[in-house]
Amino acid sequence: MAELKQVIVVRNDLKMGKGKLAVQVAHASVSSLEQARKYKPKWVETWFSENQRKICVKINSEKELRILKGQIDDAQIPNALIEDAGLTQLEPGTVTCLGIGPLPTEIADRFTGELKLL
């Protein structure tokens, strides 16, 4: 099987603090992993054997993030859209990031390869 990675796409327009950003990325990673475990268990098994490669990239707006999620959903790739609970820096329900996969790197790059690293 091809090399796998998990991609976390973070909204760059929110300007979250470092701690908030770290927690949102963690939520996206775990939530997306659980979706992949349910629908693509072989991908998860391979990803764990390959040291759980992850990459964080940025996107400019909620609109762009939702468009990307629609494309990922259409391709039937496990993912998780994260909405903040609103207990600290953000309003409740603020969409912060999207966890994708783990999935084969070549598939991930088709959707996120043009996004800049966080």
Protein backbone atom coordinates (compact mmCIF):
# COMPACT_ATOMS: atom_id res chain seq x y z
CA MET A 1 0.00 0.00 0.00
CA ALA A 2 1.12 3.58 -0.66
CA GLU A 3 2.48 5.89 2.04
CA LEU A 4 -0.28 7.45 4.14
CA LYS A 5 -0.71 10.73 5.98
CA GLN A 6 -3.34 12.66 7.87
CA VAL A 7 -3.99 16.27 6.87
CA ILE A 8 -5.35 18.92 9.21
CA VAL A 9 -6.64 22.01 7.43
CA VAL A 10 -6.80 25.05 9.73
CA ARG A 11 -8.64 28.31 9.15
CA ASN A 12 -6.00 31.00 8.97
CA ASP A 13 -8.49 33.87 9.26
CA LEU A 14 -9.36 33.13 12.90
CA LYS A 15 -5.94 34.01 14.33
CA MET A 16 -6.33 31.54 17.21
CA GLY A 17 -3.82 31.58 20.05
CA LYS A 18 -1.20 28.82 20.05
CA GLY A 19 -2.91 26.77 22.74
CA LYS A 20 -6.33 27.08 21.12
CA LEU A 21 -4.86 26.13 17.75
CA ALA A 22 -3.12 23.08 19.22
CA VAL A 23 -6.33 21.85 20.84
CA GLN A 24 -8.39 22.33 17.67
CA VAL A 25 -5.81 20.43 15.62
CA ALA A 26 -5.85 17.64 18.21
CA HIS A 27 -9.65 17.45 18.02
CA ALA A 28 -9.45 17.23 14.21
CA SER A 29 -6.79 14.53 14.29
CA VAL A 30 -8.62 12.29 16.75
CA SER A 31 -12.07 12.81 15.22
CA SER A 32 -10.86 12.15 11.69
CA LEU A 33 -8.96 9.07 12.85
CA GLU A 34 -12.16 7.68 14.36
CA GLN A 35 -13.98 8.17 11.05
CA ALA A 36 -11.14 6.46 9.18
CA ARG A 37 -11.13 3.60 11.69
CA LYS A 38 -14.82 3.08 10.95
CA TYR A 39 -14.72 3.35 7.14
CA LYS A 40 -11.10 2.65 6.10
CA PRO A 41 -9.57 0.44 8.79
CA LYS A 42 -6.80 -0.80 6.48
CA TRP A 43 -5.66 2.80 5.97
CA VAL A 44 -5.50 3.28 9.75
CA GLU A 45 -3.57 0.05 10.27
CA THR A 46 -1.01 1.03 7.63
CA TRP A 47 -0.77 4.62 8.94
CA PHE A 48 0.01 3.39 12.46
CA SER A 49 2.74 1.12 11.08
CA GLU A 50 4.23 4.14 9.23
CA ASN A 51 4.66 6.39 12.32
CA GLN A 52 1.39 8.31 11.93
CA ARG A 53 2.54 11.03 9.52
CA LYS A 54 0.56 14.27 9.89
CA ILE A 55 0.64 17.61 8.11
CA CYS A 56 -1.05 20.91 9.01
CA VAL A 57 -1.98 23.33 6.26
CA LYS A 58 -3.90 26.58 6.25
CA ILE A 59 -6.94 27.81 4.39
CA ASN A 60 -8.24 31.37 4.21
CA SER A 61 -11.92 31.13 5.20
CA GLU A 62 -14.79 29.00 6.44
CA LYS A 63 -16.28 29.11 2.94
CA GLU A 64 -13.11 27.63 1.41
CA LEU A 65 -12.95 25.01 4.18
CA ARG A 66 -16.55 23.94 3.56
CA ILE A 67 -15.94 23.69 -0.19
CA LEU A 68 -12.94 21.44 0.50
CA LYS A 69 -15.02 19.33 2.90
CA GLY A 70 -17.64 18.87 0.18
CA GLN A 71 -14.97 17.63 -2.22
CA ILE A 72 -13.60 15.26 0.43
CA ASP A 73 -17.10 13.98 1.20
CA ASP A 74 -17.82 13.45 -2.51
CA ALA A 75 -14.64 11.35 -2.74
CA GLN A 76 -15.83 9.30 0.29
CA ILE A 77 -12.70 10.09 2.30
CA PRO A 78 -13.05 9.95 6.09
CA ASN A 79 -12.90 13.41 7.64
CA ALA A 80 -14.11 15.51 10.55
CA LEU A 81 -15.14 19.16 10.59
CA ILE A 82 -14.41 20.74 13.98
CA GLU A 83 -16.67 23.34 15.57
CA ASP A 84 -15.52 25.10 18.73
CA ALA A 85 -17.59 24.86 21.90
CA GLY A 86 -17.13 28.59 22.50
CA LEU A 87 -15.77 28.35 26.03
CA THR A 88 -12.72 30.59 25.50
CA GLN A 89 -11.61 32.59 22.44
CA LEU A 90 -14.27 31.83 19.84
CA GLU A 91 -18.03 31.99 19.52
CA PRO A 92 -19.86 28.66 20.01
CA GLY A 93 -20.11 26.74 16.74
CA THR A 94 -17.17 28.46 15.06
CA VAL A 95 -15.73 26.08 12.46
CA THR A 96 -11.98 25.92 13.11
CA CYS A 97 -10.49 23.10 11.07
CA LEU A 98 -10.96 19.93 9.06
CA GLY A 99 -9.23 16.63 9.76
CA ILE A 100 -8.76 14.40 6.71
CA GLY A 101 -7.77 10.75 6.86
CA PRO A 102 -5.31 9.18 7.33
CA LEU A 103 -5.31 8.40 3.63
CA PRO A 104 -2.84 7.62 0.84
CA THR A 105 -0.56 10.61 0.28
CA GLU A 106 -1.26 10.79 -3.44
CA ILE A 107 -5.00 11.12 -2.77
CA ALA A 108 -4.45 13.71 -0.03
CA ASP A 109 -2.24 15.78 -2.30
CA ARG A 110 -4.97 15.95 -4.97
CA PHE A 111 -7.14 17.87 -2.52
CA THR A 112 -4.67 19.70 -0.27
CA GLY A 113 -1.34 19.77 -2.14
CA GLU A 114 -1.75 23.41 -3.13
CA LEU A 115 -2.39 24.62 0.43
CA LYS A 116 0.50 26.22 2.32
CA LEU A 117 1.93 24.68 5.46
CA LEU A 118 0.65 26.17 8.71
